[in-house]
């Protein structure tokens, strides 16, 4: 197993030729994250900075001055991390150089508005992608199949991506259907007890020696700065070590791992069937 740190940050262009049918001019990829997700930290930063200054100038209690100033600094740091490290509204590079190479058929679990599917499709021009989601995320503006399809067309990969609606805990595909499975900031949104079920389903639909690549929100420094206590919600409270253990139980062999744009990533190969009882029948 190797551990890698993704230090390069060359962006994949998000404006492409090949606009959706019926539109004029070049289409733009829109991942649906509102200004709140990129600039929201500036609201408490400004308010608390003002409170700290007023408290200091009017002889207010020291705890108010210091406390307001400290939280304002955290909020501004969170803005910097979200805007310049995580950059959820932008494409980025595929972190692993050997994931799903060649003519692979890749399943994107929890595709959302299509960012990860586009990253894989552009990095692997001979691949085919099946993008699966239940399209229930309320934090993506206008979330739905139509908007995700428009993003694929705008990115110039619409002819290689199929969209399917479904539950990652009960995948609507036969055994051994895919060469690779990818999931970015999606499988870690499941409840803790559902994650092994989803990993076992990923194992089931992978062919022999198929690969899985997970981008994960874990309680690392970047996540703690950007989200504070929210970093411990649901699966995002799980450390990388726990993900390794769950992947092992689900029948995967860890090949490589690292960090990229504030997220941890782990690549693993299917080594055997999953040892998770009831994996095909989630509650």
C-alpha atoms as a PDB file:
ATOM      1  CA  UNK A   1       0.000   0.000   0.000  1.00  0.00           C
ATOM      2  CA  UNK A   2       1.271   3.453  -0.829  1.00  0.00           C
ATOM      3  CA  UNK A   3       0.303   6.772   0.667  1.00  0.00           C
ATOM      4  CA  UNK A   4       0.249   9.820  -1.548  1.00  0.00           C
ATOM      5  CA  UNK A   5      -0.335  13.510  -1.004  1.00  0.00           C
ATOM      6  CA  UNK A   6      -1.904  15.269  -3.972  1.00  0.00           C
ATOM      7  CA  UNK A   7       0.030  18.513  -4.156  1.00  0.00           C
ATOM      8  CA  UNK A   8      -0.666  19.599  -7.721  1.00  0.00           C
ATOM      9  CA  UNK A   9      -3.868  21.540  -8.198  1.00  0.00           C
ATOM     10  CA  UNK A  10      -4.206  21.985 -11.920  1.00  0.00           C
ATOM     11  CA  UNK A  11      -7.881  22.451 -12.650  1.00  0.00           C
ATOM     12  CA  UNK A  12      -9.808  20.728 -15.375  1.00  0.00           C
ATOM     13  CA  UNK A  13     -11.663  23.359 -17.435  1.00  0.00           C
ATOM     14  CA  UNK A  14     -15.312  23.612 -16.463  1.00  0.00           C
ATOM     15  CA  UNK A  15     -16.447  25.537 -19.525  1.00  0.00           C
ATOM     16  CA  UNK A  16     -16.667  23.350 -22.577  1.00  0.00           C
ATOM     17  CA  UNK A  17     -17.863  23.515 -26.139  1.00  0.00           C
ATOM     18  CA  UNK A  18     -20.767  21.312 -27.084  1.00  0.00           C
ATOM     19  CA  UNK A  19     -23.668  23.117 -25.439  1.00  0.00           C
ATOM     20  CA  UNK A  20     -26.848  21.192 -24.606  1.00  0.00           C
ATOM     21  CA  UNK A  21     -29.252  20.965 -27.520  1.00  0.00           C
ATOM     22  CA  UNK A  22     -31.347  24.098 -27.832  1.00  0.00           C
ATOM     23  CA  UNK A  23     -28.975  26.425 -25.989  1.00  0.00           C
ATOM     24  CA  UNK A  24     -26.905  29.246 -27.472  1.00  0.00           C
ATOM     25  CA  UNK A  25     -23.186  29.673 -26.962  1.00  0.00           C
ATOM     26  CA  UNK A  26     -20.928  27.575 -24.731  1.00  0.00           C
ATOM     27  CA  UNK A  27     -22.621  25.862 -21.805  1.00  0.00           C
ATOM     28  CA  UNK A  28     -21.283  26.108 -18.269  1.00  0.00           C
ATOM     29  CA  UNK A  29     -21.092  23.391 -15.684  1.00  0.00           C
ATOM     30  CA  UNK A  30     -23.048  24.382 -12.574  1.00  0.00           C
ATOM     31  CA  UNK A  31     -22.714  22.115  -9.558  1.00  0.00           C
ATOM     32  CA  UNK A  32     -25.515  23.866  -7.705  1.00  0.00           C
ATOM     33  CA  UNK A  33     -23.744  24.994  -4.553  1.00  0.00           C
ATOM     34  CA  UNK A  34     -25.068  28.430  -3.628  1.00  0.00           C
ATOM     35  CA  UNK A  35     -22.980  31.375  -2.450  1.00  0.00           C
ATOM     36  CA  UNK A  36     -23.586  30.212   1.125  1.00  0.00           C
ATOM     37  CA  UNK A  37     -21.261  27.228   0.670  1.00  0.00           C
ATOM     38  CA  UNK A  38     -18.379  29.335  -0.606  1.00  0.00           C
ATOM     39  CA  UNK A  39     -18.884  32.690   1.102  1.00  0.00           C
ATOM     40  CA  UNK A  40     -21.131  31.881   4.067  1.00  0.00           C
ATOM     41  CA  UNK A  41     -18.260  31.956   6.570  1.00  0.00           C
ATOM     42  CA  UNK A  42     -17.812  35.665   5.880  1.00  0.00           C
ATOM     43  CA  UNK A  43     -21.140  36.513   7.550  1.00  0.00           C
ATOM     44  CA  UNK A  44     -20.159  35.372  11.083  1.00  0.00           C
ATOM     45  CA  UNK A  45     -16.588  36.573  10.455  1.00  0.00           C
ATOM     46  CA  UNK A  46     -17.825  40.111   9.775  1.00  0.00           C
ATOM     47  CA  UNK A  47     -20.389  40.112  12.599  1.00  0.00           C
ATOM     48  CA  UNK A  48     -18.007  38.757  15.222  1.00  0.00           C
ATOM     49  CA  UNK A  49     -15.144  41.004  14.148  1.00  0.00           C
ATOM     50  CA  UNK A  50     -17.485  43.968  14.607  1.00  0.00           C
ATOM     51  CA  UNK A  51     -18.558  42.644  18.014  1.00  0.00           C
ATOM     52  CA  UNK A  52     -14.938  42.234  19.114  1.00  0.00           C
ATOM     53  CA  UNK A  53     -14.014  45.757  17.983  1.00  0.00           C
ATOM     54  CA  UNK A  54     -17.046  47.340  19.658  1.00  0.00           C
ATOM     55  CA  UNK A  55     -16.414  45.396  22.862  1.00  0.00           C
ATOM     56  CA  UNK A  56     -12.763  46.436  22.928  1.00  0.00           C
ATOM     57  CA  UNK A  57     -13.542  50.104  22.276  1.00  0.00           C
ATOM     58  CA  UNK A  58     -16.356  50.343  24.820  1.00  0.00           C
ATOM     59  CA  UNK A  59     -14.584  48.485  27.612  1.00  0.00           C
ATOM     60  CA  UNK A  60     -16.689  45.365  27.328  1.00  0.00           C
ATOM     61  CA  UNK A  61     -15.816  42.158  29.156  1.00  0.00           C
ATOM     62  CA  UNK A  62     -12.566  40.556  28.064  1.00  0.00           C
ATOM     63  CA  UNK A  63     -14.201  37.190  27.387  1.00  0.00           C
ATOM     64  CA  UNK A  64     -16.529  38.815  24.859  1.00  0.00           C
ATOM     65  CA  UNK A  65     -13.715  40.617  23.068  1.00  0.00           C
ATOM     66  CA  UNK A  66     -11.398  37.608  22.977  1.00  0.00           C
ATOM     67  CA  UNK A  67     -14.126  35.083  22.276  1.00  0.00           C
ATOM     68  CA  UNK A  68     -15.661  37.074  19.432  1.00  0.00           C
ATOM     69  CA  UNK A  69     -12.260  37.710  17.905  1.00  0.00           C
ATOM     70  CA  UNK A  70     -11.244  34.041  18.114  1.00  0.00           C
ATOM     71  CA  UNK A  71     -14.432  32.792  16.483  1.00  0.00           C
ATOM     72  CA  UNK A  72     -14.148  35.489  13.809  1.00  0.00           C
ATOM     73  CA  UNK A  73     -10.642  34.237  12.987  1.00  0.00           C
ATOM     74  CA  UNK A  74     -11.949  30.644  12.747  1.00  0.00           C
ATOM     75  CA  UNK A  75     -14.799  31.759  10.463  1.00  0.00           C
ATOM     76  CA  UNK A  76     -12.431  33.608   8.137  1.00  0.00           C
ATOM     77  CA  UNK A  77     -10.078  30.598   8.085  1.00  0.00           C
ATOM     78  CA  UNK A  78     -13.083  28.444   7.199  1.00  0.00           C
ATOM     79  CA  UNK A  79     -13.821  30.743   4.262  1.00  0.00           C
ATOM     80  CA  UNK A  80     -10.229  30.457   3.019  1.00  0.00           C
ATOM     81  CA  UNK A  81     -10.292  26.647   3.233  1.00  0.00           C
ATOM     82  CA  UNK A  82     -13.685  26.335   1.550  1.00  0.00           C
ATOM     83  CA  UNK A  83     -12.908  28.841  -1.185  1.00  0.00           C
ATOM     84  CA  UNK A  84      -9.296  27.956  -1.998  1.00  0.00           C
ATOM     85  CA  UNK A  85      -8.768  24.355  -0.817  1.00  0.00           C
ATOM     86  CA  UNK A  86     -12.057  22.447  -1.086  1.00  0.00           C
ATOM     87  CA  UNK A  87     -13.512  24.461  -4.009  1.00  0.00           C
ATOM     88  CA  UNK A  88     -16.678  22.407  -4.287  1.00  0.00           C
ATOM     89  CA  UNK A  89     -17.944  24.392  -7.276  1.00  0.00           C
ATOM     90  CA  UNK A  90     -14.867  23.534  -9.367  1.00  0.00           C
ATOM     91  CA  UNK A  91     -13.494  20.439 -11.021  1.00  0.00           C
ATOM     92  CA  UNK A  92     -10.151  19.051  -9.975  1.00  0.00           C
ATOM     93  CA  UNK A  93      -7.744  16.270 -10.946  1.00  0.00           C
ATOM     94  CA  UNK A  94      -8.370  12.570 -10.408  1.00  0.00           C
ATOM     95  CA  UNK A  95      -6.149  11.829  -7.384  1.00  0.00           C
ATOM     96  CA  UNK A  96      -5.082   8.317  -8.387  1.00  0.00           C
ATOM     97  CA  UNK A  97      -3.073   7.775 -11.596  1.00  0.00           C
ATOM     98  CA  UNK A  98      -4.044   4.115 -12.005  1.00  0.00           C
ATOM     99  CA  UNK A  99      -7.755   4.067 -11.197  1.00  0.00           C
ATOM    100  CA  UNK A 100     -10.014   2.666 -13.936  1.00  0.00           C
ATOM    101  CA  UNK A 101      -7.581   3.036 -16.803  1.00  0.00           C
ATOM    102  CA  UNK A 102      -8.399   2.011 -20.358  1.00  0.00           C
ATOM    103  CA  UNK A 103     -11.936   1.173 -21.440  1.00  0.00           C
ATOM    104  CA  UNK A 104     -13.337   0.826 -17.926  1.00  0.00           C
ATOM    105  CA  UNK A 105     -17.010   1.030 -17.019  1.00  0.00           C
ATOM    106  CA  UNK A 106     -17.209   3.062 -13.798  1.00  0.00           C
ATOM    107  CA  UNK A 107     -20.102   3.483 -11.363  1.00  0.00           C
ATOM    108  CA  UNK A 108     -20.333   6.804  -9.501  1.00  0.00           C
ATOM    109  CA  UNK A 109     -22.163   6.252  -6.206  1.00  0.00           C
ATOM    110  CA  UNK A 110     -23.988   9.410  -5.172  1.00  0.00           C
ATOM    111  CA  UNK A 111     -23.124  11.397  -8.295  1.00  0.00           C
ATOM    112  CA  UNK A 112     -24.944  14.534  -7.129  1.00  0.00           C
ATOM    113  CA  UNK A 113     -24.698  17.225  -9.798  1.00  0.00           C
ATOM    114  CA  UNK A 114     -22.054  15.229 -11.661  1.00  0.00           C
ATOM    115  CA  UNK A 115     -18.684  16.611 -10.592  1.00  0.00           C
ATOM    116  CA  UNK A 116     -16.930  13.295  -9.902  1.00  0.00           C
ATOM    117  CA  UNK A 117     -18.405  11.608 -12.970  1.00  0.00           C
ATOM    118  CA  UNK A 118     -17.035  14.457 -15.102  1.00  0.00           C
ATOM    119  CA  UNK A 119     -13.605  14.244 -13.455  1.00  0.00           C
ATOM    120  CA  UNK A 120     -13.395  10.512 -14.194  1.00  0.00           C
ATOM    121  CA  UNK A 121     -14.790  10.862 -17.722  1.00  0.00           C
ATOM    122  CA  UNK A 122     -12.354  13.627 -18.649  1.00  0.00           C
ATOM    123  CA  UNK A 123      -9.358  11.883 -17.054  1.00  0.00           C
ATOM    124  CA  UNK A 124     -10.276   8.563 -18.697  1.00  0.00           C
ATOM    125  CA  UNK A 125     -11.464   9.427 -22.223  1.00  0.00           C
ATOM    126  CA  UNK A 126     -12.083   5.760 -23.129  1.00  0.00           C
ATOM    127  CA  UNK A 127     -14.253   5.069 -20.079  1.00  0.00           C
ATOM    128  CA  UNK A 128     -18.012   4.818 -19.683  1.00  0.00           C
ATOM    129  CA  UNK A 129     -19.692   6.165 -16.553  1.00  0.00           C
ATOM    130  CA  UNK A 130     -22.945   5.217 -14.854  1.00  0.00           C
ATOM    131  CA  UNK A 131     -23.902   8.021 -12.474  1.00  0.00           C
ATOM    132  CA  UNK A 132     -26.261   6.948  -9.691  1.00  0.00           C
ATOM    133  CA  UNK A 133     -28.069   9.124  -7.162  1.00  0.00           C
ATOM    134  CA  UNK A 134     -31.438   9.329  -5.419  1.00  0.00           C
ATOM    135  CA  UNK A 135     -31.398  13.104  -6.085  1.00  0.00           C
ATOM    136  CA  UNK A 136     -32.612  13.920  -2.587  1.00  0.00           C
ATOM    137  CA  UNK A 137     -29.809  16.323  -1.536  1.00  0.00           C
ATOM    138  CA  UNK A 138     -31.454  19.616  -0.594  1.00  0.00           C
ATOM    139  CA  UNK A 139     -28.134  21.505  -0.430  1.00  0.00           C
ATOM    140  CA  UNK A 140     -27.743  21.397  -4.232  1.00  0.00           C
ATOM    141  CA  UNK A 141     -29.837  24.052  -5.966  1.00  0.00           C
ATOM    142  CA  UNK A 142     -32.282  22.575  -8.482  1.00  0.00           C
ATOM    143  CA  UNK A 143     -30.963  19.067  -7.844  1.00  0.00           C
ATOM    144  CA  UNK A 144     -32.290  16.466 -10.253  1.00  0.00           C
ATOM    145  CA  UNK A 145     -31.529  14.303 -13.265  1.00  0.00           C
ATOM    146  CA  UNK A 146     -32.143  17.133 -15.736  1.00  0.00           C
ATOM    147  CA  UNK A 147     -29.549  19.451 -14.191  1.00  0.00           C
ATOM    148  CA  UNK A 148     -27.005  16.663 -13.831  1.00  0.00           C
ATOM    149  CA  UNK A 149     -27.496  15.653 -17.459  1.00  0.00           C
ATOM    150  CA  UNK A 150     -27.040  19.284 -18.524  1.00  0.00           C
ATOM    151  CA  UNK A 151     -23.705  19.342 -16.690  1.00  0.00           C
ATOM    152  CA  UNK A 152     -22.536  16.221 -18.516  1.00  0.00           C
ATOM    153  CA  UNK A 153     -23.452  17.767 -21.850  1.00  0.00           C
ATOM    154  CA  UNK A 154     -21.774  21.050 -20.931  1.00  0.00           C
ATOM    155  CA  UNK A 155     -18.597  19.187 -19.962  1.00  0.00           C
ATOM    156  CA  UNK A 156     -18.566  17.329 -23.278  1.00  0.00           C
ATOM    157  CA  UNK A 157     -19.003  13.851 -21.756  1.00  0.00           C
ATOM    158  CA  UNK A 158     -22.750  13.347 -22.189  1.00  0.00           C
ATOM    159  CA  UNK A 159     -22.311  10.591 -24.750  1.00  0.00           C
ATOM    160  CA  UNK A 160     -20.362   8.447 -22.263  1.00  0.00           C
ATOM    161  CA  UNK A 161     -22.417   8.926 -19.104  1.00  0.00           C
ATOM    162  CA  UNK A 162     -25.688   7.224 -18.181  1.00  0.00           C
ATOM    163  CA  UNK A 163     -27.753   8.548 -15.265  1.00  0.00           C
ATOM    164  CA  UNK A 164     -29.618   6.119 -13.010  1.00  0.00           C
ATOM    165  CA  UNK A 165     -31.793   6.844 -10.003  1.00  0.00           C
ATOM    166  CA  UNK A 166     -31.248   4.464  -7.112  1.00  0.00           C
ATOM    167  CA  UNK A 167     -30.075   3.680  -3.599  1.00  0.00           C
ATOM    168  CA  UNK A 168     -26.395   2.868  -3.087  1.00  0.00           C
ATOM    169  CA  UNK A 169     -27.430   0.362  -0.406  1.00  0.00           C
ATOM    170  CA  UNK A 170     -29.409  -1.643  -2.971  1.00  0.00           C
ATOM    171  CA  UNK A 171     -27.834  -1.145  -6.371  1.00  0.00           C
ATOM    172  CA  UNK A 172     -30.049  -1.848  -9.401  1.00  0.00           C
ATOM    173  CA  UNK A 173     -27.309  -3.717 -11.283  1.00  0.00           C
ATOM    174  CA  UNK A 174     -26.346  -7.375 -11.745  1.00  0.00           C
ATOM    175  CA  UNK A 175     -23.244  -8.844 -10.161  1.00  0.00           C
ATOM    176  CA  UNK A 176     -19.902  -8.024 -11.817  1.00  0.00           C
ATOM    177  CA  UNK A 177     -21.245  -5.123 -13.905  1.00  0.00           C
ATOM    178  CA  UNK A 178     -18.414  -2.600 -13.453  1.00  0.00           C
ATOM    179  CA  UNK A 179     -14.653  -2.266 -13.574  1.00  0.00           C
ATOM    180  CA  UNK A 180     -14.563   0.579 -11.071  1.00  0.00           C
ATOM    181  CA  UNK A 181     -16.683   2.236  -8.410  1.00  0.00           C
ATOM    182  CA  UNK A 182     -16.088   5.815  -7.284  1.00  0.00           C
ATOM    183  CA  UNK A 183     -17.785   7.850  -4.585  1.00  0.00           C
ATOM    184  CA  UNK A 184     -16.937  11.404  -3.563  1.00  0.00           C
ATOM    185  CA  UNK A 185     -18.369  12.929  -0.358  1.00  0.00           C
ATOM    186  CA  UNK A 186     -21.420  10.700  -0.757  1.00  0.00           C
ATOM    187  CA  UNK A 187     -21.045   7.292   0.881  1.00  0.00           C
ATOM    188  CA  UNK A 188     -19.830   9.068   4.017  1.00  0.00           C
ATOM    189  CA  UNK A 189     -23.216  10.833   4.234  1.00  0.00           C
ATOM    190  CA  UNK A 190     -24.881   7.506   5.052  1.00  0.00           C
ATOM    191  CA  UNK A 191     -25.639   6.488   8.613  1.00  0.00           C
ATOM    192  CA  UNK A 192     -22.791   4.451  10.145  1.00  0.00           C
ATOM    193  CA  UNK A 193     -24.717   1.171   9.972  1.00  0.00           C
ATOM    194  CA  UNK A 194     -25.535   1.638   6.283  1.00  0.00           C
ATOM    195  CA  UNK A 195     -21.960   2.211   5.117  1.00  0.00           C
ATOM    196  CA  UNK A 196     -20.900  -1.486   5.261  1.00  0.00           C
ATOM    197  CA  UNK A 197     -24.010  -2.367   3.277  1.00  0.00           C
ATOM    198  CA  UNK A 198     -23.144   0.133   0.546  1.00  0.00           C
ATOM    199  CA  UNK A 199     -19.528  -1.091   0.442  1.00  0.00           C
ATOM    200  CA  UNK A 200     -20.709  -4.691   0.130  1.00  0.00           C
ATOM    201  CA  UNK A 201     -22.972  -3.674  -2.740  1.00  0.00           C
ATOM    202  CA  UNK A 202     -20.019  -1.971  -4.410  1.00  0.00           C
ATOM    203  CA  UNK A 203     -18.100  -5.238  -4.045  1.00  0.00           C
ATOM    204  CA  UNK A 204     -20.975  -7.217  -5.562  1.00  0.00           C
ATOM    205  CA  UNK A 205     -21.268  -5.131  -8.724  1.00  0.00           C
ATOM    206  CA  UNK A 206     -17.507  -5.037  -9.342  1.00  0.00           C
ATOM    207  CA  UNK A 207     -15.805  -7.506 -11.625  1.00  0.00           C
ATOM    208  CA  UNK A 208     -12.847  -9.568 -10.437  1.00  0.00           C
ATOM    209  CA  UNK A 209      -9.976  -7.228  -9.517  1.00  0.00           C
ATOM    210  CA  UNK A 210     -12.267  -4.243  -9.931  1.00  0.00           C
ATOM    211  CA  UNK A 211     -11.282  -1.055  -8.120  1.00  0.00           C
ATOM    212  CA  UNK A 212     -13.033   1.289  -5.730  1.00  0.00           C
ATOM    213  CA  UNK A 213     -11.959   4.897  -5.179  1.00  0.00           C
ATOM    214  CA  UNK A 214     -13.472   6.783  -2.252  1.00  0.00           C
ATOM    215  CA  UNK A 215     -13.118  10.522  -1.604  1.00  0.00           C
ATOM    216  CA  UNK A 216     -14.084  10.944   2.043  1.00  0.00           C
ATOM    217  CA  UNK A 217     -14.899  13.746   4.436  1.00  0.00           C
ATOM    218  CA  UNK A 218     -12.910  12.851   7.537  1.00  0.00           C
ATOM    219  CA  UNK A 219     -12.141  14.888  10.686  1.00  0.00           C
ATOM    220  CA  UNK A 220      -8.807  16.190   9.431  1.00  0.00           C
ATOM    221  CA  UNK A 221      -7.454  19.717   9.898  1.00  0.00           C
ATOM    222  CA  UNK A 222      -9.062  21.080   6.711  1.00  0.00           C
ATOM    223  CA  UNK A 223     -12.490  19.725   7.589  1.00  0.00           C
ATOM    224  CA  UNK A 224     -12.332  20.919  11.181  1.00  0.00           C
ATOM    225  CA  UNK A 225     -11.403  24.446  10.043  1.00  0.00           C
ATOM    226  CA  UNK A 226     -14.098  24.533   7.360  1.00  0.00           C
ATOM    227  CA  UNK A 227     -16.987  23.026   9.330  1.00  0.00           C
ATOM    228  CA  UNK A 228     -16.091  23.004  13.028  1.00  0.00           C
ATOM    229  CA  UNK A 229     -18.363  20.637  14.999  1.00  0.00           C
ATOM    230  CA  UNK A 230     -20.315  19.755  11.839  1.00  0.00           C
ATOM    231  CA  UNK A 231     -17.290  17.654  10.866  1.00  0.00           C
ATOM    232  CA  UNK A 232     -18.573  14.956  13.217  1.00  0.00           C
ATOM    233  CA  UNK A 233     -21.945  14.434  11.558  1.00  0.00           C
ATOM    234  CA  UNK A 234     -22.795  10.953  10.218  1.00  0.00           C
ATOM    235  CA  UNK A 235     -20.009   9.060   8.462  1.00  0.00           C
ATOM    236  CA  UNK A 236     -17.821  12.149   8.216  1.00  0.00           C
ATOM    237  CA  UNK A 237     -16.853  11.552  11.845  1.00  0.00           C
ATOM    238  CA  UNK A 238     -15.077   8.336  10.836  1.00  0.00           C
ATOM    239  CA  UNK A 239     -11.317   8.460  10.616  1.00  0.00           C
ATOM    240  CA  UNK A 240      -9.382   6.976   7.700  1.00  0.00           C
ATOM    241  CA  UNK A 241      -8.371   3.977   9.808  1.00  0.00           C
ATOM    242  CA  UNK A 242     -12.033   3.016  10.262  1.00  0.00           C
ATOM    243  CA  UNK A 243     -12.644   3.279   6.509  1.00  0.00           C
ATOM    244  CA  UNK A 244      -9.715   0.937   5.882  1.00  0.00           C
ATOM    245  CA  UNK A 245     -11.202  -1.574   8.284  1.00  0.00           C
ATOM    246  CA  UNK A 246     -14.654  -1.378   6.706  1.00  0.00           C
ATOM    247  CA  UNK A 247     -13.198  -1.775   3.224  1.00  0.00           C
ATOM    248  CA  UNK A 248     -11.307  -4.856   4.399  1.00  0.00           C
ATOM    249  CA  UNK A 249     -14.494  -6.381   5.821  1.00  0.00           C
ATOM    250  CA  UNK A 250     -16.237  -5.589   2.533  1.00  0.00           C
ATOM    251  CA  UNK A 251     -13.672  -7.672   0.641  1.00  0.00           C
ATOM    252  CA  UNK A 252     -11.245  -5.000  -0.576  1.00  0.00           C
ATOM    253  CA  UNK A 253      -7.459  -4.782  -0.463  1.00  0.00           C
ATOM    254  CA  UNK A 254      -6.145  -1.257   0.131  1.00  0.00           C
ATOM    255  CA  UNK A 255      -3.780  -0.144  -2.629  1.00  0.00           C
ATOM    256  CA  UNK A 256      -3.157   3.571  -2.083  1.00  0.00           C
ATOM    257  CA  UNK A 257      -4.400   6.542  -0.122  1.00  0.00           C
ATOM    258  CA  UNK A 258      -3.745  10.233   0.321  1.00  0.00           C
ATOM    259  CA  UNK A 259      -5.412  13.630   0.552  1.00  0.00           C
ATOM    260  CA  UNK A 260      -6.727  15.917  -2.162  1.00  0.00           C
ATOM    261  CA  UNK A 261      -8.416  19.292  -1.704  1.00  0.00           C
ATOM    262  CA  UNK A 262      -9.238  18.677   1.934  1.00  0.00           C
ATOM    263  CA  UNK A 263     -10.668  15.191   1.386  1.00  0.00           C
ATOM    264  CA  UNK A 264      -9.064  11.878   2.209  1.00  0.00           C
ATOM    265  CA  UNK A 265      -9.013   9.343  -0.612  1.00  0.00           C
ATOM    266  CA  UNK A 266      -8.555   5.601  -0.560  1.00  0.00           C
ATOM    267  CA  UNK A 267      -8.165   3.267  -3.533  1.00  0.00           C
ATOM    268  CA  UNK A 268      -8.736  -0.455  -3.084  1.00  0.00           C
ATOM    269  CA  UNK A 269      -9.086  -3.594  -5.215  1.00  0.00           C
ATOM    270  CA  UNK A 270     -11.772  -6.230  -4.925  1.00  0.00           C
ATOM    271  CA  UNK A 271     -10.052  -9.278  -3.397  1.00  0.00           C
ATOM    272  CA  UNK A 272     -12.989 -11.464  -2.337  1.00  0.00           C
ATOM    273  CA  UNK A 273     -16.719 -11.358  -1.640  1.00  0.00           C
ATOM    274  CA  UNK A 274     -17.895  -9.102   1.149  1.00  0.00           C
ATOM    275  CA  UNK A 275     -18.321 -10.538   4.623  1.00  0.00           C
ATOM    276  CA  UNK A 276     -21.282  -8.327   5.557  1.00  0.00           C
ATOM    277  CA  UNK A 277     -24.503 -10.210   6.470  1.00  0.00           C
ATOM    278  CA  UNK A 278     -27.656  -8.854   4.857  1.00  0.00           C
ATOM    279  CA  UNK A 279     -25.775  -6.632   2.456  1.00  0.00           C
ATOM    280  CA  UNK A 280     -28.285  -7.113  -0.339  1.00  0.00           C
ATOM    281  CA  UNK A 281     -31.297  -6.374   1.866  1.00  0.00           C
ATOM    282  CA  UNK A 282     -30.861  -3.059   3.762  1.00  0.00           C
ATOM    283  CA  UNK A 283     -33.586  -1.961   6.117  1.00  0.00           C
END
